[in-house]
Amino acid sequence: MTAAETRLPRPNEVLAVVPALNEERAIRACLLSLLEGYAPEAAPQIVVADGGSSDRTRAIVAEIARAHKGVRLIDNPARLQSAGLNEAVRECALPRHRVLVRADAHAHYPPRYLMDAAEALHRSGAASVVVPMDSVANGCFARAAAWVVDTPLGSGGAAHRGGRRSGFVDHGHHAAMDLGWFRRIGGYDPLFSHNEDAEFDHRLRMAGGTIWMEAGLRLDYQMRPSLRALARQYWNYGRGRARTVTKHGVRPRLRQLAPAVNLLLIALGAAVAAAGALVGSGAALAFGLAWPALYAGVLLGVSVAAALSMRSLCGLWAGPALGAMHLPWGAGFLTGLWTYSRQGGAR
């Protein structure tokens, strides 16, 4: 181990990367939060890997870069986040860089986040540090979605969703990574549009690396503003998880299988109920509607609980938001399994 590796990282040894595509609403707040707490000449380098934005994202980054020399904009021709992170490391990482910090354009970071993440990586001795996300929102629907996503029904108990305990984990929201480990396992799989972090974590653990969750280092994550946008996001999440499963032949966890099983039970129940209605069987109709009705009751109960907890009628959106997480995730996962298994895995 070199002398540099035994001491805390310095700012010029940290490379932060923000993948972006049409993020004009969020990118300014994200970058300014990452720069907060540093003198202009003492901030770690921040690279925005832009996938060809057609809005003002690039202009905003260029404006910030003129005031902060450590901010740089590069092109990400492949457009995907995974490819953009790899490209930033190839193009911008220098021999002095020891730590890669991944940042999200939708997130808002506490002061000195970059160095705090790098120092947590050093103290833990892990190959990667992940952090909890606290969901925040503007708007009635998004506030309800933020409330429900951090509950066990919304996240399945995932440690990085509002978790409060530090410790070694299997997966989490990526923060700081040892650049040596990143290169050793080949970086992110550039074909993954979603779930690339979980796929990376799987390969990292298989190679002997460990992942530490630093609960004291938290970030705010902006929820999607509409039912449609949330459903599209979770459809993509489900597809991404299916790609990881088929690529590595791993067994999904119960909390990951639950949305898919729930969707299948709803579909089966609807089919039985339809058949019962066709043949005039009240028993079949009632039996078929039992599970869909139970799930609808759960969503209704979630809406009432959220409205009471939030002390706002906006909470009534929590049930629909939960459905927009569960059902598209399950559909994305099942269709992804079918698609990627027929392709012989993710590649």
Protein backbone atom coordinates (compact mmCIF):
# COMPACT_ATOMS: atom_id res chain seq x y z
CA MET A 1 0.00 0.00 0.00
CA THR A 2 1.38 3.41 -0.99
CA ALA A 3 1.68 6.37 1.35
CA ALA A 4 -1.13 8.10 -0.57
CA GLU A 5 -3.47 5.17 0.05
CA THR A 6 -2.94 5.29 3.81
CA ARG A 7 -4.07 8.91 4.21
CA LEU A 8 -7.40 10.63 3.63
CA PRO A 9 -8.05 11.58 0.00
CA ARG A 10 -7.37 15.15 -1.02
CA PRO A 11 -9.80 17.17 -3.16
CA ASN A 12 -7.59 16.88 -6.26
CA GLU A 13 -7.71 13.08 -5.89
CA VAL A 14 -11.52 12.96 -6.15
CA LEU A 15 -13.39 12.84 -9.45
CA ALA A 16 -17.15 13.42 -9.36
CA VAL A 17 -19.34 12.51 -12.34
CA VAL A 18 -22.93 13.62 -13.01
CA PRO A 19 -24.64 11.88 -15.96
CA ALA A 20 -27.27 14.18 -17.48
CA LEU A 21 -29.82 14.30 -20.27
CA ASN A 22 -32.34 17.16 -20.51
CA GLU A 23 -32.00 18.12 -16.86
CA GLU A 24 -32.41 21.89 -17.13
CA ARG A 25 -34.82 21.92 -14.18
CA ALA A 26 -32.43 20.19 -11.80
CA ILE A 27 -28.83 20.45 -12.94
CA ARG A 28 -28.07 23.92 -11.54
CA ALA A 29 -29.25 23.05 -8.02
CA CYS A 30 -27.39 19.74 -8.18
CA LEU A 31 -24.05 21.26 -9.20
CA LEU A 32 -24.25 24.19 -6.81
CA SER A 33 -24.98 21.81 -3.94
CA LEU A 34 -21.95 19.70 -4.88
CA LEU A 35 -19.77 22.84 -4.92
CA GLU A 36 -21.05 24.14 -1.58
CA GLY A 37 -18.49 24.23 1.20
CA TYR A 38 -15.39 24.52 -1.00
CA ALA A 39 -13.24 27.44 -2.04
CA PRO A 40 -13.26 27.72 -5.87
CA GLU A 41 -9.67 26.50 -6.12
CA ALA A 42 -10.12 23.67 -3.61
CA ALA A 43 -13.18 21.81 -4.92
CA PRO A 44 -12.89 18.30 -6.39
CA GLN A 45 -13.27 18.06 -10.15
CA ILE A 46 -16.88 17.65 -11.29
CA VAL A 47 -17.63 16.26 -14.74
CA VAL A 48 -21.08 16.40 -16.33
CA ALA A 49 -21.43 13.65 -18.94
CA ASP A 50 -24.22 14.93 -21.18
CA GLY A 51 -26.10 12.54 -23.41
CA GLY A 52 -27.06 15.12 -26.03
CA SER A 53 -29.49 17.36 -24.17
CA SER A 54 -31.89 19.35 -26.35
CA ASP A 55 -32.89 21.74 -23.56
CA ARG A 56 -30.73 24.27 -21.64
CA THR A 57 -28.77 21.67 -19.65
CA ARG A 58 -25.52 22.22 -21.52
CA ALA A 59 -25.80 26.01 -21.37
CA ILE A 60 -26.38 25.90 -17.62
CA VAL A 61 -23.38 23.64 -17.07
CA ALA A 62 -21.21 25.87 -19.26
CA GLU A 63 -22.30 28.91 -17.27
CA ILE A 64 -21.36 27.25 -13.98
CA ALA A 65 -18.07 26.01 -15.47
CA ARG A 66 -17.07 29.60 -16.29
CA ALA A 67 -17.32 30.48 -12.62
CA HIS A 68 -15.88 27.20 -11.31
CA LYS A 69 -12.86 25.90 -13.20
CA GLY A 70 -13.22 22.46 -11.67
CA VAL A 71 -16.53 21.87 -13.50
CA ARG A 72 -16.26 20.28 -16.94
CA LEU A 73 -18.79 19.24 -19.58
CA ILE A 74 -18.15 16.22 -21.82
CA ASP A 75 -20.22 14.40 -24.40
CA ASN A 76 -21.77 11.01 -23.77
CA PRO A 77 -22.63 9.74 -27.28
CA ALA A 78 -24.19 6.54 -25.93
CA ARG A 79 -26.64 8.65 -23.85
CA LEU A 80 -26.99 6.07 -21.06
CA GLN A 81 -25.82 6.89 -17.53
CA SER A 82 -23.69 3.77 -17.31
CA ALA A 83 -21.84 4.63 -20.52
CA GLY A 84 -21.46 8.26 -19.45
CA LEU A 85 -19.79 7.31 -16.19
CA ASN A 86 -17.37 5.00 -17.99
CA GLU A 87 -16.61 7.70 -20.57
CA ALA A 88 -15.93 10.28 -17.86
CA VAL A 89 -13.44 7.96 -16.17
CA ARG A 90 -11.70 7.20 -19.47
CA GLU A 91 -11.52 10.84 -20.55
CA CYS A 92 -11.07 12.73 -17.30
CA ALA A 93 -9.51 10.47 -14.65
CA LEU A 94 -5.87 11.32 -14.05
CA PRO A 95 -3.21 9.18 -12.34
CA ARG A 96 -3.69 11.21 -9.15
CA HIS A 97 -7.41 10.38 -8.90
CA ARG A 98 -8.17 7.77 -6.24
CA VAL A 99 -11.91 8.13 -5.73
CA LEU A 100 -14.87 8.28 -8.11
CA VAL A 101 -18.03 9.90 -6.74
CA ARG A 102 -21.23 9.31 -8.68
CA ALA A 103 -23.83 12.03 -8.37
CA ASP A 104 -27.39 12.20 -9.67
CA ALA A 105 -28.77 15.24 -11.47
CA HIS A 106 -32.10 14.80 -9.61
CA ALA A 107 -30.46 14.90 -6.20
CA HIS A 108 -29.56 17.76 -3.85
CA TYR A 109 -26.42 17.23 -1.77
CA PRO A 110 -25.31 18.47 1.67
CA PRO A 111 -22.25 20.77 1.94
CA ARG A 112 -18.90 19.05 1.41
CA TYR A 113 -20.65 15.89 0.25
CA LEU A 114 -17.91 14.91 -2.19
CA MET A 115 -15.10 14.90 0.36
CA ASP A 116 -17.30 13.42 3.09
CA ALA A 117 -18.11 10.51 0.74
CA ALA A 118 -14.45 10.05 -0.19
CA GLU A 119 -13.39 10.11 3.47
CA ALA A 120 -16.13 7.62 4.40
CA LEU A 121 -14.76 5.32 1.70
CA HIS A 122 -11.27 5.61 3.17
CA ARG A 123 -12.40 5.00 6.77
CA SER A 124 -14.56 2.00 5.87
CA GLY A 125 -11.86 0.22 3.92
CA ALA A 126 -14.58 -0.81 1.47
CA ALA A 127 -14.45 -0.81 -2.31
CA SER A 128 -17.59 1.33 -2.48
CA VAL A 129 -19.70 3.54 -0.23
CA VAL A 130 -23.44 3.94 -0.67
CA VAL A 131 -25.78 6.39 1.06
CA PRO A 132 -29.45 6.61 2.04
CA MET A 133 -31.82 8.72 -0.03
CA ASP A 134 -34.50 10.83 1.62
CA SER A 135 -37.30 11.44 -0.88
CA VAL A 136 -38.47 15.03 -1.26
CA ALA A 137 -40.97 16.61 -3.59
CA ASN A 138 -42.77 19.67 -4.87
CA GLY A 139 -46.42 19.31 -5.77
CA CYS A 140 -49.32 17.36 -4.36
CA PHE A 141 -48.78 14.04 -6.13
CA ALA A 142 -45.02 14.01 -5.67
CA ARG A 143 -45.31 14.75 -1.94
CA ALA A 144 -47.55 11.70 -1.50
CA ALA A 145 -45.19 9.57 -3.61
CA ALA A 146 -42.26 10.73 -1.47
CA TRP A 147 -44.15 9.74 1.67
CA VAL A 148 -44.96 6.22 0.47
CA VAL A 149 -41.68 5.35 -1.27
CA ASP A 150 -39.78 5.35 2.02
CA THR A 151 -42.22 2.95 3.69
CA PRO A 152 -41.72 -0.85 3.66
CA LEU A 153 -44.57 -1.14 1.15
CA GLY A 154 -42.88 1.35 -1.15
CA SER A 155 -39.26 0.23 -0.90
CA GLY A 156 -39.51 -3.32 0.41
CA GLY A 157 -37.24 -2.36 3.28
CA ALA A 158 -34.26 -1.45 1.07
CA ALA A 159 -31.56 -0.07 3.38
CA HIS A 160 -30.72 2.89 1.14
CA ARG A 161 -34.32 4.16 1.16
CA GLY A 162 -34.38 6.24 4.31
CA GLY A 163 -32.13 3.83 6.24
CA ARG A 164 -30.67 4.95 9.57
CA ARG A 165 -27.95 2.37 10.27
CA SER A 166 -24.43 2.26 8.87
CA GLY A 167 -22.91 -1.09 7.95
CA PHE A 168 -21.90 -3.42 5.17
CA VAL A 169 -24.66 -4.05 2.61
CA ASP A 170 -25.14 -5.89 -0.68
CA HIS A 171 -26.35 -2.88 -2.63
CA GLY A 172 -27.30 0.77 -2.28
CA HIS A 173 -27.41 4.16 -3.95
CA HIS A 174 -23.90 4.73 -5.28
CA ALA A 175 -21.74 7.45 -3.76
CA ALA A 176 -17.96 6.95 -3.65
CA MET A 177 -16.00 4.17 -5.32
CA ASP A 178 -12.36 3.25 -5.22
CA LEU A 179 -11.15 3.90 -8.76
CA GLY A 180 -8.86 0.90 -8.65
CA TRP A 181 -11.80 -1.39 -7.92
CA PHE A 182 -13.92 0.39 -10.54
CA ARG A 183 -11.35 -0.33 -13.22
CA ARG A 184 -10.65 -3.84 -11.95
CA ILE A 185 -14.21 -5.01 -12.64
CA GLY A 186 -14.55 -3.03 -15.87
CA GLY A 187 -16.74 -0.17 -14.66
CA TYR A 188 -20.45 -0.16 -15.39
CA ASP A 189 -22.01 -2.37 -18.04
CA PRO A 190 -22.65 0.26 -20.76
CA LEU A 191 -25.65 -1.66 -22.11
CA PHE A 192 -27.66 -1.14 -18.92
CA SER A 193 -30.06 1.81 -19.00
CA HIS A 194 -31.39 1.00 -15.50
CA ASN A 195 -30.28 -1.09 -12.54
CA GLU A 196 -26.67 -0.60 -13.63
CA ASP A 197 -25.73 0.17 -10.03
CA ALA A 198 -27.09 -3.14 -8.72
CA GLU A 199 -25.42 -5.03 -11.57
CA PHE A 200 -22.13 -3.27 -10.76
CA ASP A 201 -22.52 -4.12 -7.06
CA HIS A 202 -23.09 -7.79 -7.91
CA ARG A 203 -19.86 -7.99 -9.90
CA LEU A 204 -18.01 -6.03 -7.23
CA ARG A 205 -19.04 -8.47 -4.51
CA MET A 206 -18.27 -11.47 -6.72
CA ALA A 207 -14.76 -10.05 -7.17
CA GLY A 208 -14.28 -9.76 -3.41
CA GLY A 209 -15.10 -6.07 -2.91
CA THR A 210 -17.25 -4.83 -0.03
CA ILE A 211 -19.92 -2.11 0.08
CA TRP A 212 -20.41 0.17 3.07
CA MET A 213 -23.56 2.20 3.73
CA GLU A 214 -22.78 5.49 5.46
CA ALA A 215 -26.08 6.42 7.12
CA GLY A 216 -24.76 9.74 8.38
CA LEU A 217 -24.20 10.96 4.83
CA ARG A 218 -27.60 11.50 3.25
CA LEU A 219 -29.02 13.10 0.15
CA ASP A 220 -32.39 14.42 -0.93
CA TYR A 221 -33.88 12.75 -3.98
CA GLN A 222 -36.54 14.57 -6.02
CA MET A 223 -39.55 12.38 -6.79
CA ARG A 224 -41.15 12.24 -10.23
CA PRO A 225 -43.91 14.87 -10.54
CA SER A 226 -46.72 12.80 -12.06
CA LEU A 227 -48.33 9.37 -11.98
CA ARG A 228 -47.27 8.72 -15.57
CA ALA A 229 -43.63 9.70 -14.97
CA LEU A 230 -43.44 7.57 -11.83
CA ALA A 231 -44.95 4.56 -13.61
CA ARG A 232 -42.48 4.91 -16.50
CA GLN A 233 -39.58 5.12 -14.02
CA TYR A 234 -40.63 1.94 -12.21
CA TRP A 235 -41.28 0.08 -15.48
CA ASN A 236 -37.68 0.80 -16.37
CA TYR A 237 -36.51 -0.26 -12.91
CA GLY A 238 -38.28 -3.61 -13.32
CA ARG A 239 -36.75 -4.15 -16.76
CA GLY A 240 -33.32 -3.32 -15.39
CA ARG A 241 -33.63 -5.79 -12.54
CA ALA A 242 -34.70 -8.50 -14.99
CA ARG A 243 -31.62 -7.78 -17.08
CA THR A 244 -29.37 -8.21 -14.05
CA VAL A 245 -31.11 -11.46 -13.10
CA THR A 246 -30.78 -12.96 -16.56
CA LYS A 247 -27.19 -11.78 -17.08
CA HIS A 248 -25.89 -13.29 -13.85
CA GLY A 249 -28.44 -16.01 -13.12
CA VAL A 250 -29.09 -14.59 -9.65
CA ARG A 251 -32.17 -15.33 -7.60
CA PRO A 252 -34.33 -12.25 -6.98
CA ARG A 253 -35.12 -11.38 -3.39
CA LEU A 254 -38.65 -11.73 -2.03
CA ARG A 255 -39.19 -7.95 -2.02
CA GLN A 256 -38.23 -7.92 -5.72
CA LEU A 257 -40.49 -10.83 -6.61
CA ALA A 258 -43.48 -9.46 -4.71
CA PRO A 259 -44.58 -6.86 -7.32
CA ALA A 260 -44.40 -9.43 -10.12
CA VAL A 261 -46.32 -12.05 -8.11
CA ASN A 262 -48.90 -9.44 -7.15
CA LEU A 263 -49.41 -8.49 -10.81
CA LEU A 264 -49.80 -12.14 -11.82
CA LEU A 265 -52.37 -12.73 -9.07
CA ILE A 266 -54.33 -9.65 -10.16
CA ALA A 267 -54.28 -10.82 -13.79
CA LEU A 268 -55.26 -14.36 -12.80
CA GLY A 269 -58.03 -13.07 -10.58
CA ALA A 270 -59.38 -10.85 -13.33
CA ALA A 271 -59.39 -13.79 -15.76
CA VAL A 272 -61.23 -16.03 -13.27
CA ALA A 273 -63.74 -13.26 -12.54
CA ALA A 274 -64.34 -12.69 -16.26
CA ALA A 275 -64.88 -16.41 -16.82
CA GLY A 276 -67.24 -16.53 -13.86
CA ALA A 277 -69.23 -13.63 -15.23
CA LEU A 278 -69.47 -15.33 -18.65
CA VAL A 279 -70.83 -18.59 -17.24
CA GLY A 280 -72.91 -16.93 -14.53
CA SER A 281 -70.92 -18.37 -11.62
CA GLY A 282 -71.14 -16.03 -8.65
CA ALA A 283 -68.63 -18.11 -6.72
CA ALA A 284 -66.01 -17.88 -9.49
CA LEU A 285 -66.67 -14.17 -9.84
CA ALA A 286 -66.22 -13.55 -6.13
CA PHE A 287 -63.14 -15.78 -5.96
CA GLY A 288 -61.54 -14.03 -8.93
CA LEU A 289 -62.15 -10.58 -7.53
CA ALA A 290 -60.81 -11.43 -4.05
CA TRP A 291 -57.13 -10.61 -4.65
CA PRO A 292 -57.68 -7.51 -6.83
CA ALA A 293 -60.14 -6.23 -4.22
CA LEU A 294 -57.68 -6.93 -1.40
CA TYR A 295 -54.92 -5.04 -3.22
CA ALA A 296 -57.26 -2.15 -3.97
CA GLY A 297 -58.11 -2.09 -0.27
CA VAL A 298 -54.41 -1.89 0.61
CA LEU A 299 -53.95 1.07 -1.73
CA LEU A 300 -56.99 2.78 -0.24
CA GLY A 301 -55.66 2.19 3.26
CA VAL A 302 -52.30 3.64 2.26
CA SER A 303 -54.03 6.75 0.91
CA VAL A 304 -55.95 7.27 4.14
CA ALA A 305 -52.83 6.68 6.27
CA ALA A 306 -50.83 9.15 4.18
CA ALA A 307 -53.53 11.81 4.33
CA LEU A 308 -53.65 11.51 8.11
CA SER A 309 -49.86 11.44 8.48
CA MET A 310 -49.31 14.37 6.12
CA ARG A 311 -52.37 16.22 7.43
CA SER A 312 -53.23 16.97 3.85
CA LEU A 313 -55.60 15.66 1.22
CA CYS A 314 -52.53 15.38 -1.01
CA GLY A 315 -51.84 12.16 0.89
CA LEU A 316 -54.73 10.54 -0.95
CA TRP A 317 -52.37 10.26 -3.93
CA ALA A 318 -50.18 7.83 -1.96
CA GLY A 319 -52.26 4.78 -2.91
CA PRO A 320 -52.21 5.51 -6.65
CA ALA A 321 -48.50 6.31 -6.38
CA LEU A 322 -47.84 2.96 -4.72
CA GLY A 323 -49.76 1.23 -7.49
CA ALA A 324 -47.68 3.14 -10.04
CA MET A 325 -44.57 1.69 -8.40
CA HIS A 326 -45.73 -1.91 -7.90
CA LEU A 327 -47.61 -2.68 -11.09
CA PRO A 328 -45.26 -1.19 -13.73
CA TRP A 329 -42.25 -2.62 -11.86
CA GLY A 330 -43.86 -6.08 -11.95
CA ALA A 331 -44.79 -5.72 -15.61
CA GLY A 332 -41.32 -4.47 -16.52
CA PHE A 333 -39.69 -7.31 -14.61
CA LEU A 334 -41.83 -10.04 -16.20
CA THR A 335 -41.50 -8.70 -19.74
CA GLY A 336 -37.80 -8.17 -19.14
CA LEU A 337 -37.35 -11.77 -18.04
CA TRP A 338 -39.06 -12.92 -21.22
CA THR A 339 -37.07 -10.60 -23.48
CA TYR A 340 -33.60 -11.07 -21.99
CA SER A 341 -33.90 -14.80 -21.43
CA ARG A 342 -34.77 -15.22 -25.11
CA GLN A 343 -31.70 -13.16 -25.95
CA GLY A 344 -29.54 -15.46 -23.86
CA GLY A 345 -29.07 -12.95 -21.04
CA ALA A 346 -28.41 -9.26 -20.93
CA ARG A 347 -25.90 -9.20 -23.76
